[in-house]
N, C-alpha and C. Protein backbone atom coordinates (compact mmCIF):
# COMPACT_ATOMS: atom_id res chain seq x y z
N MET A 1 3.45 43.61 161.26
CA MET A 1 4.62 44.20 161.93
C MET A 1 4.27 45.61 162.44
N GLN A 2 4.67 45.89 163.65
CA GLN A 2 4.34 47.20 164.23
C GLN A 2 5.35 48.27 163.80
N PRO A 3 4.87 49.45 163.39
CA PRO A 3 5.75 50.55 162.96
C PRO A 3 6.73 50.94 164.07
N THR A 4 6.25 50.95 165.31
CA THR A 4 7.13 51.34 166.42
C THR A 4 8.27 50.35 166.58
N LEU A 5 7.95 49.07 166.45
CA LEU A 5 8.98 48.05 166.58
C LEU A 5 10.01 48.20 165.46
N LEU A 6 9.53 48.45 164.26
CA LEU A 6 10.42 48.61 163.12
C LEU A 6 11.32 49.84 163.34
N ALA A 7 10.72 50.93 163.79
CA ALA A 7 11.49 52.16 164.03
C ALA A 7 12.57 51.91 165.08
N ARG A 8 12.22 51.15 166.12
CA ARG A 8 13.20 50.87 167.18
C ARG A 8 14.35 50.05 166.63
N SER A 9 14.03 49.10 165.77
CA SER A 9 15.08 48.26 165.18
C SER A 9 16.05 49.12 164.38
N ILE A 10 15.50 50.01 163.56
CA ILE A 10 16.34 50.88 162.74
C ILE A 10 17.16 51.80 163.64
N SER A 11 16.54 52.35 164.67
CA SER A 11 17.23 53.26 165.58
C SER A 11 18.38 52.53 166.27
N SER A 12 18.10 51.31 166.72
CA SER A 12 19.13 50.53 167.41
C SER A 12 20.33 50.30 166.49
N VAL A 13 20.06 49.96 165.27
CA VAL A 13 21.14 49.72 164.31
C VAL A 13 21.91 51.01 164.05
N ALA A 14 21.19 52.12 163.93
CA ALA A 14 21.83 53.40 163.65
C ALA A 14 22.73 53.80 164.82
N ILE A 15 22.24 53.60 166.03
CA ILE A 15 23.03 53.97 167.22
C ILE A 15 24.23 53.02 167.36
N ASP A 16 24.01 51.75 167.03
CA ASP A 16 25.06 50.76 167.17
C ASP A 16 26.16 50.97 166.12
N ALA A 17 25.81 51.48 164.96
CA ALA A 17 26.76 51.66 163.88
C ALA A 17 27.83 52.69 164.22
């Protein structure tokens, strides 16, 4: 799993929340 992809997933969830 790529760190950048993981970070984007977390960021997306944080922004969406």
